[in-house]
């Protein structure tokens, strides 16, 4: 997930047709701070995130452009793409899944797929480690 918080703040601010100074005053920060956020040279303090979302009347998910449905669809696409190589090129299958894990670290679906593609007994220790990671991060307990 690529966070473009600065772009989002700038876009929301322009939609409201307000200056950086007005937003800064509301949040109790300098307009220079807002400028740095919008130019992606700095990030707002985490404690300001709810206030920023409230000011723009959006959820924090919307502020961060977080869309669970889109993420799940992307993961499904990664699994489908990797599945095309499962039998004919397991190394490519694994590569696709690992690239997916770089984008979605600790994703339980991708970790589970990795376990299925690793050869036994050659990489048994890696399978065990991946199983442990899957147990630690699974959202389904």
N, C-alpha and C. Protein backbone atom coordinates (compact mmCIF):
# COMPACT_ATOMS: atom_id res chain seq x y z
N UNK A 1 0.84 -1.16 0.00
CA UNK A 1 0.00 0.00 0.00
C UNK A 1 0.89 1.23 0.00
N UNK A 2 0.60 2.07 -0.95
CA UNK A 2 1.42 3.27 -1.06
C UNK A 2 0.68 4.44 -0.42
N UNK A 3 1.18 4.92 0.70
CA UNK A 3 0.52 6.01 1.42
C UNK A 3 0.93 7.34 0.82
N UNK A 4 -0.04 8.07 0.34
CA UNK A 4 0.19 9.40 -0.21
C UNK A 4 -0.64 10.39 0.61
N UNK A 5 -0.36 10.43 1.89
CA UNK A 5 -1.13 11.25 2.81
C UNK A 5 -1.04 12.73 2.45
N UNK A 6 0.14 13.18 2.08
CA UNK A 6 0.31 14.59 1.72
C UNK A 6 -0.56 14.99 0.55
N UNK A 7 -0.59 14.14 -0.47
CA UNK A 7 -1.44 14.41 -1.64
C UNK A 7 -2.90 14.46 -1.24
N UNK A 8 -3.30 13.55 -0.35
CA UNK A 8 -4.69 13.48 0.08
C UNK A 8 -5.06 14.74 0.86
N UNK A 9 -4.19 15.17 1.77
CA UNK A 9 -4.47 16.38 2.55
C UNK A 9 -4.60 17.58 1.61
N UNK A 10 -3.70 17.69 0.68
CA UNK A 10 -3.73 18.80 -0.27
C UNK A 10 -5.02 18.78 -1.09
N UNK A 11 -5.40 17.61 -1.57
CA UNK A 11 -6.62 17.46 -2.36
C UNK A 11 -7.85 17.85 -1.54
N UNK A 12 -7.94 17.34 -0.32
CA UNK A 12 -9.08 17.66 0.54
C UNK A 12 -9.12 19.15 0.88
N UNK A 13 -7.95 19.72 1.12
CA UNK A 13 -7.88 21.15 1.45
C UNK A 13 -8.36 21.99 0.27
N UNK A 14 -7.95 21.63 -0.93
CA UNK A 14 -8.36 22.37 -2.13
C UNK A 14 -9.85 22.20 -2.40
N UNK A 15 -10.38 21.00 -2.12
CA UNK A 15 -11.82 20.77 -2.27
C UNK A 15 -12.62 21.69 -1.36
N UNK A 16 -12.09 21.92 -0.16
CA UNK A 16 -12.75 22.82 0.80
C UNK A 16 -12.44 24.28 0.50
N UNK A 17 -11.53 24.49 -0.43
CA UNK A 17 -11.13 25.85 -0.83
C UNK A 17 -10.61 26.66 0.37
N UNK A 18 -9.70 26.03 1.12
CA UNK A 18 -9.10 26.73 2.26
C UNK A 18 -7.59 26.76 2.10
N UNK A 19 -6.96 27.68 2.79
CA UNK A 19 -5.51 27.82 2.73
C UNK A 19 -4.83 26.88 3.71
N UNK A 20 -3.53 26.74 3.51
CA UNK A 20 -2.73 25.97 4.47
C UNK A 20 -2.79 26.63 5.84
N UNK A 21 -2.85 27.96 5.86
CA UNK A 21 -2.89 28.70 7.12
C UNK A 21 -4.13 28.36 7.94
N UNK A 22 -5.28 28.26 7.27
CA UNK A 22 -6.53 27.94 7.99
C UNK A 22 -6.45 26.54 8.57
N UNK A 23 -5.99 25.59 7.78
CA UNK A 23 -5.85 24.22 8.28
C UNK A 23 -4.86 24.18 9.43
N UNK A 24 -3.74 24.87 9.27
CA UNK A 24 -2.71 24.90 10.31
C UNK A 24 -3.27 25.47 11.61
N UNK A 25 -4.02 26.56 11.51
CA UNK A 25 -4.59 27.20 12.69
C UNK A 25 -5.54 26.24 13.41
N UNK A 26 -6.37 25.54 12.66
CA UNK A 26 -7.30 24.58 13.24
C UNK A 26 -6.57 23.47 13.99
N UNK A 27 -5.46 23.03 13.41
CA UNK A 27 -4.71 21.90 14.01
C UNK A 27 -3.69 22.34 15.05
N UNK A 28 -3.44 23.65 15.13
CA UNK A 28 -2.45 24.14 16.09
C UNK A 28 -1.02 23.88 15.66
N UNK A 29 -0.79 23.93 14.34
CA UNK A 29 0.56 23.75 13.80
C UNK A 29 0.86 24.93 12.88
N UNK A 30 2.09 25.02 12.41
CA UNK A 30 2.45 26.09 11.50
C UNK A 30 2.00 25.75 10.08
N UNK A 31 1.80 26.80 9.26
CA UNK A 31 1.46 26.52 7.86
C UNK A 31 2.62 25.84 7.16
N UNK A 32 3.86 26.06 7.67
CA UNK A 32 5.02 25.38 7.09
C UNK A 32 4.91 23.85 7.29
N UNK A 33 4.37 23.47 8.45
CA UNK A 33 4.18 22.04 8.72
C UNK A 33 3.21 21.45 7.70
N UNK A 34 2.11 22.15 7.46
CA UNK A 34 1.13 21.67 6.48
C UNK A 34 1.77 21.59 5.10
N UNK A 35 2.57 22.58 4.76
CA UNK A 35 3.27 22.59 3.47
C UNK A 35 4.19 21.38 3.34
N UNK A 36 4.91 21.07 4.40
CA UNK A 36 5.81 19.90 4.38
C UNK A 36 5.02 18.61 4.19
N UNK A 37 3.85 18.51 4.85
CA UNK A 37 3.02 17.31 4.68
C UNK A 37 2.62 17.18 3.22
N UNK A 38 2.14 18.29 2.66
CA UNK A 38 1.62 18.26 1.30
C UNK A 38 2.71 18.00 0.27
N UNK A 39 3.94 18.33 0.59
CA UNK A 39 5.07 18.08 -0.31
C UNK A 39 5.76 16.75 -0.01
N UNK A 40 5.20 15.99 0.92
CA UNK A 40 5.73 14.69 1.32
C UNK A 40 7.17 14.76 1.83
N UNK A 41 7.51 15.88 2.48
CA UNK A 41 8.83 15.96 3.11
C UNK A 41 8.73 15.70 4.61
N UNK A 42 7.48 15.62 5.11
CA UNK A 42 7.24 15.28 6.51
C UNK A 42 5.84 14.69 6.62
N UNK A 43 5.62 13.98 7.72
CA UNK A 43 4.30 13.41 7.98
C UNK A 43 3.73 14.07 9.22
N UNK A 44 2.41 14.22 9.28
CA UNK A 44 1.81 14.76 10.50
C UNK A 44 2.04 13.81 11.67
N UNK A 45 2.12 14.38 12.85
CA UNK A 45 2.20 13.56 14.06
C UNK A 45 0.97 12.67 14.10
N UNK A 46 1.15 11.44 14.51
CA UNK A 46 0.06 10.47 14.53
C UNK A 46 -1.13 10.97 15.37
N UNK A 47 -0.86 11.75 16.39
CA UNK A 47 -1.95 12.25 17.23
C UNK A 47 -2.84 13.27 16.50
N UNK A 48 -2.36 13.81 15.39
CA UNK A 48 -3.15 14.76 14.60
C UNK A 48 -4.07 14.10 13.58
N UNK A 49 -3.86 12.83 13.31
CA UNK A 49 -4.62 12.14 12.26
C UNK A 49 -6.13 12.23 12.50
N UNK A 50 -6.63 11.92 13.70
CA UNK A 50 -8.09 12.04 13.90
C UNK A 50 -8.60 13.47 13.68
N UNK A 51 -7.83 14.47 14.11
CA UNK A 51 -8.24 15.86 13.94
C UNK A 51 -8.27 16.24 12.46
N UNK A 52 -7.29 15.77 11.70
CA UNK A 52 -7.26 16.05 10.26
C UNK A 52 -8.48 15.41 9.58
N UNK A 53 -8.75 14.16 9.92
CA UNK A 53 -9.91 13.46 9.35
C UNK A 53 -11.20 14.18 9.73
N UNK A 54 -11.30 14.58 10.97
CA UNK A 54 -12.50 15.29 11.44
C UNK A 54 -12.67 16.61 10.70
N UNK A 55 -11.58 17.36 10.55
CA UNK A 55 -11.65 18.65 9.87
C UNK A 55 -12.22 18.50 8.46
N UNK A 56 -11.78 17.44 7.76
CA UNK A 56 -12.22 17.23 6.39
C UNK A 56 -13.49 16.37 6.29
N UNK A 57 -14.00 15.95 7.45
CA UNK A 57 -15.22 15.13 7.52
C UNK A 57 -15.09 13.84 6.72
N UNK A 58 -13.94 13.17 6.92
CA UNK A 58 -13.70 11.87 6.31
C UNK A 58 -13.24 10.90 7.40
N UNK A 59 -13.30 9.62 7.10
CA UNK A 59 -12.78 8.63 8.04
C UNK A 59 -11.26 8.60 7.92
N UNK A 60 -10.60 8.04 8.92
CA UNK A 60 -9.15 7.90 8.83
C UNK A 60 -8.79 6.94 7.70
N UNK A 61 -9.63 5.93 7.45
CA UNK A 61 -9.40 5.03 6.33
C UNK A 61 -9.40 5.81 5.02
N UNK A 62 -10.37 6.70 4.86
CA UNK A 62 -10.43 7.49 3.63
C UNK A 62 -9.23 8.43 3.54
N UNK A 63 -8.83 8.99 4.67
CA UNK A 63 -7.68 9.89 4.68
C UNK A 63 -6.43 9.18 4.14
N UNK A 64 -6.28 7.92 4.51
CA UNK A 64 -5.12 7.14 4.07
C UNK A 64 -5.39 6.36 2.78
N UNK A 65 -6.55 6.59 2.17
CA UNK A 65 -6.95 5.84 0.97
C UNK A 65 -6.88 4.34 1.21
N UNK A 66 -7.32 3.92 2.39
CA UNK A 66 -7.32 2.50 2.73
C UNK A 66 -8.65 1.91 2.31
N UNK A 67 -8.60 0.91 1.47
CA UNK A 67 -9.80 0.28 0.96
C UNK A 67 -9.61 -1.23 1.07
N UNK A 68 -10.23 -1.81 2.10
CA UNK A 68 -10.06 -3.24 2.38
C UNK A 68 -10.49 -4.10 1.21
N UNK A 69 -11.59 -3.74 0.56
CA UNK A 69 -12.07 -4.51 -0.58
C UNK A 69 -11.02 -4.54 -1.69
N UNK A 70 -10.41 -3.38 -1.97
CA UNK A 70 -9.39 -3.29 -3.01
C UNK A 70 -8.16 -4.13 -2.66
N UNK A 71 -7.76 -4.09 -1.40
CA UNK A 71 -6.61 -4.89 -0.95
C UNK A 71 -6.90 -6.38 -1.12
N UNK A 72 -8.09 -6.80 -0.70
CA UNK A 72 -8.44 -8.22 -0.84
C UNK A 72 -8.49 -8.63 -2.30
N UNK A 73 -8.99 -7.76 -3.16
CA UNK A 73 -9.01 -8.05 -4.60
C UNK A 73 -7.58 -8.17 -5.14
N UNK A 74 -6.69 -7.26 -4.71
CA UNK A 74 -5.29 -7.33 -5.15
C UNK A 74 -4.64 -8.63 -4.71
N UNK A 75 -4.93 -9.05 -3.49
CA UNK A 75 -4.37 -10.31 -2.99
C UNK A 75 -4.91 -11.49 -3.78
N UNK A 76 -6.20 -11.45 -4.07
CA UNK A 76 -6.79 -12.52 -4.90
C UNK A 76 -6.12 -12.57 -6.26
N UNK A 77 -5.83 -11.40 -6.84
CA UNK A 77 -5.15 -11.35 -8.14
C UNK A 77 -3.75 -11.95 -8.06
N UNK A 78 -3.04 -11.66 -6.96
CA UNK A 78 -1.69 -12.22 -6.76
C UNK A 78 -1.76 -13.74 -6.66
N UNK A 79 -2.73 -14.24 -5.90
CA UNK A 79 -2.88 -15.69 -5.73
C UNK A 79 -3.23 -16.34 -7.06
N UNK A 80 -4.12 -15.72 -7.81
CA UNK A 80 -4.50 -16.26 -9.12
C UNK A 80 -3.30 -16.31 -10.06
N UNK A 81 -2.56 -15.20 -10.11
CA UNK A 81 -1.38 -15.13 -10.99
C UNK A 81 -0.34 -16.17 -10.58
N UNK A 82 -0.10 -16.30 -9.28
CA UNK A 82 0.89 -17.28 -8.83
C UNK A 82 0.42 -18.70 -9.11
N UNK A 83 -0.88 -18.91 -9.01
CA UNK A 83 -1.44 -20.24 -9.25
C UNK A 83 -1.22 -20.74 -10.67
N UNK A 84 -1.10 -19.81 -11.60
CA UNK A 84 -0.84 -20.18 -12.99
C UNK A 84 0.51 -20.89 -13.14
N UNK A 85 1.41 -20.69 -12.18
CA UNK A 85 2.76 -21.26 -12.24
C UNK A 85 2.96 -22.39 -11.23
N UNK A 86 1.95 -22.68 -10.44
CA UNK A 86 2.10 -23.63 -9.33
C UNK A 86 2.71 -24.96 -9.78
N UNK A 87 2.20 -25.53 -10.87
CA UNK A 87 2.68 -26.85 -11.32
C UNK A 87 3.84 -26.75 -12.31
N UNK A 88 3.80 -25.74 -13.19
CA UNK A 88 4.80 -25.69 -14.26
C UNK A 88 6.08 -24.96 -13.86
N UNK A 89 6.01 -24.03 -12.90
CA UNK A 89 7.19 -23.25 -12.50
C UNK A 89 7.04 -22.78 -11.05
N UNK A 90 7.23 -23.72 -10.10
CA UNK A 90 7.05 -23.37 -8.69
C UNK A 90 7.91 -22.19 -8.23
N UNK A 91 9.10 -22.04 -8.81
CA UNK A 91 9.97 -20.91 -8.42
C UNK A 91 9.32 -19.58 -8.80
N UNK A 92 8.69 -19.52 -9.97
CA UNK A 92 8.00 -18.30 -10.38
C UNK A 92 6.77 -18.07 -9.49
N UNK A 93 6.08 -19.12 -9.16
CA UNK A 93 4.93 -19.05 -8.25
C UNK A 93 5.36 -18.43 -6.93
N UNK A 94 6.46 -18.95 -6.38
CA UNK A 94 6.99 -18.42 -5.11
C UNK A 94 7.40 -16.96 -5.26
N UNK A 95 8.05 -16.63 -6.36
CA UNK A 95 8.51 -15.25 -6.59
C UNK A 95 7.32 -14.28 -6.58
N UNK A 96 6.25 -14.63 -7.26
CA UNK A 96 5.07 -13.79 -7.32
C UNK A 96 4.48 -13.60 -5.92
N UNK A 97 4.41 -14.69 -5.16
CA UNK A 97 3.88 -14.62 -3.80
C UNK A 97 4.77 -13.76 -2.90
N UNK A 98 6.08 -13.89 -3.04
CA UNK A 98 7.02 -13.10 -2.22
C UNK A 98 6.91 -11.60 -2.57
N UNK A 99 6.74 -11.30 -3.85
CA UNK A 99 6.53 -9.90 -4.24
C UNK A 99 5.24 -9.38 -3.61
N UNK A 100 4.23 -10.22 -3.58
CA UNK A 100 2.97 -9.85 -2.93
C UNK A 100 3.17 -9.58 -1.45
N UNK A 101 4.00 -10.39 -0.80
CA UNK A 101 4.27 -10.20 0.63
C UNK A 101 5.06 -8.91 0.90
N UNK A 102 5.84 -8.46 -0.08
CA UNK A 102 6.54 -7.18 0.08
C UNK A 102 5.52 -6.05 0.11
N UNK A 103 4.49 -6.18 -0.70
CA UNK A 103 3.45 -5.15 -0.77
C UNK A 103 2.47 -5.27 0.41
N UNK A 104 2.20 -6.51 0.82
CA UNK A 104 1.24 -6.78 1.91
C UNK A 104 1.91 -7.68 2.95
N UNK A 105 2.85 -7.12 3.71
CA UNK A 105 3.61 -7.93 4.68
C UNK A 105 2.70 -8.64 5.68
N UNK A 106 3.03 -9.89 5.93
CA UNK A 106 2.31 -10.66 6.95
C UNK A 106 0.91 -11.08 6.54
N UNK A 107 0.54 -10.92 5.27
CA UNK A 107 -0.80 -11.30 4.84
C UNK A 107 -0.98 -12.80 4.98
N UNK A 108 -2.02 -13.21 5.71
CA UNK A 108 -2.20 -14.63 6.01
C UNK A 108 -2.51 -15.46 4.76
N UNK A 109 -3.21 -14.91 3.80
CA UNK A 109 -3.51 -15.66 2.58
C UNK A 109 -2.24 -15.95 1.79
N UNK A 110 -1.40 -14.93 1.63
CA UNK A 110 -0.15 -15.10 0.88
C UNK A 110 0.81 -16.04 1.61
N UNK A 111 0.89 -15.90 2.93
CA UNK A 111 1.76 -16.81 3.70
C UNK A 111 1.31 -18.25 3.54
N UNK A 112 0.02 -18.46 3.58
CA UNK A 112 -0.52 -19.81 3.43
C UNK A 112 -0.18 -20.38 2.05
N UNK A 113 -0.25 -19.54 1.03
CA UNK A 113 0.10 -19.98 -0.32
C UNK A 113 1.58 -20.32 -0.44
N UNK A 114 2.43 -19.53 0.22
CA UNK A 114 3.88 -19.79 0.20
C UNK A 114 4.17 -21.17 0.78
N UNK A 115 3.49 -21.52 1.86
CA UNK A 115 3.70 -22.82 2.49
C UNK A 115 3.42 -23.94 1.49
N UNK A 116 2.39 -23.76 0.67
CA UNK A 116 2.02 -24.79 -0.28
C UNK A 116 2.97 -24.96 -1.44
N UNK A 117 3.78 -23.96 -1.72
CA UNK A 117 4.66 -24.03 -2.89
C UNK A 117 6.09 -24.44 -2.52
N UNK A 118 6.47 -24.32 -1.26
CA UNK A 118 7.84 -24.67 -0.85
C UNK A 118 8.02 -26.19 -0.85
N UNK A 119 9.11 -26.67 -1.40
CA UNK A 119 9.33 -28.14 -1.48
C UNK A 119 9.72 -28.75 -0.14
N UNK A 120 9.14 -29.92 0.10
CA UNK A 120 9.46 -30.69 1.30
C UNK A 120 10.33 -31.86 0.83
N UNK A 121 11.35 -32.27 1.50
CA UNK A 121 11.89 -31.80 2.78
C UNK A 121 12.95 -30.71 2.63
N UNK A 122 13.29 -30.35 1.37
CA UNK A 122 14.41 -29.44 1.15
C UNK A 122 14.30 -28.13 1.95
N UNK A 123 13.11 -27.60 2.08
CA UNK A 123 12.95 -26.30 2.75
C UNK A 123 12.00 -26.39 3.95
N UNK A 124 12.07 -27.53 4.62
CA UNK A 124 11.17 -27.78 5.75
C UNK A 124 11.29 -26.74 6.85
N UNK A 125 12.51 -26.31 7.16
CA UNK A 125 12.69 -25.31 8.22
C UNK A 125 12.03 -23.98 7.85
N UNK A 126 12.13 -23.62 6.59
CA UNK A 126 11.49 -22.39 6.12
C UNK A 126 9.96 -22.52 6.20
N UNK A 127 9.46 -23.71 5.89
CA UNK A 127 8.02 -23.96 5.99
C UNK A 127 7.58 -23.80 7.44
N UNK A 128 8.34 -24.36 8.36
CA UNK A 128 8.01 -24.24 9.79
C UNK A 128 8.02 -22.78 10.22
N UNK A 129 9.03 -22.03 9.81
CA UNK A 129 9.10 -20.61 10.16
C UNK A 129 7.92 -19.83 9.58
N UNK A 130 7.56 -20.16 8.35
CA UNK A 130 6.42 -19.49 7.72
C UNK A 130 5.12 -19.84 8.43
N UNK A 131 4.99 -21.09 8.86
CA UNK A 131 3.81 -21.50 9.63
C UNK A 131 3.72 -20.72 10.94
N UNK A 132 4.86 -20.54 11.58
CA UNK A 132 4.88 -19.76 12.83
C UNK A 132 4.46 -18.31 12.56
N UNK A 133 4.96 -17.72 11.48
CA UNK A 133 4.59 -16.36 11.11
C UNK A 133 3.09 -16.29 10.81
N UNK A 134 2.58 -17.29 10.14
CA UNK A 134 1.16 -17.34 9.82
C UNK A 134 0.31 -17.41 11.07
N UNK A 135 0.72 -18.21 12.02
CA UNK A 135 -0.02 -18.32 13.28
C UNK A 135 -0.01 -16.99 14.01
N UNK A 136 1.14 -16.30 14.02
CA UNK A 136 1.27 -15.03 14.73
C UNK A 136 0.42 -13.92 14.10
N UNK A 137 0.27 -13.93 12.79
CA UNK A 137 -0.36 -12.78 12.14
C UNK A 137 -1.79 -13.05 11.66
N UNK A 138 -2.23 -14.29 11.73
CA UNK A 138 -3.55 -14.56 11.17
C UNK A 138 -4.64 -13.76 11.86
N UNK A 139 -5.53 -13.24 11.07
CA UNK A 139 -6.63 -12.43 11.62
C UNK A 139 -7.82 -13.31 12.00
N UNK A 140 -7.71 -14.59 11.70
CA UNK A 140 -8.82 -15.48 11.98
C UNK A 140 -8.56 -16.36 13.21
N UNK A 141 -7.49 -16.00 13.97
CA UNK A 141 -7.18 -16.69 15.22
C UNK A 141 -6.98 -18.12 15.02
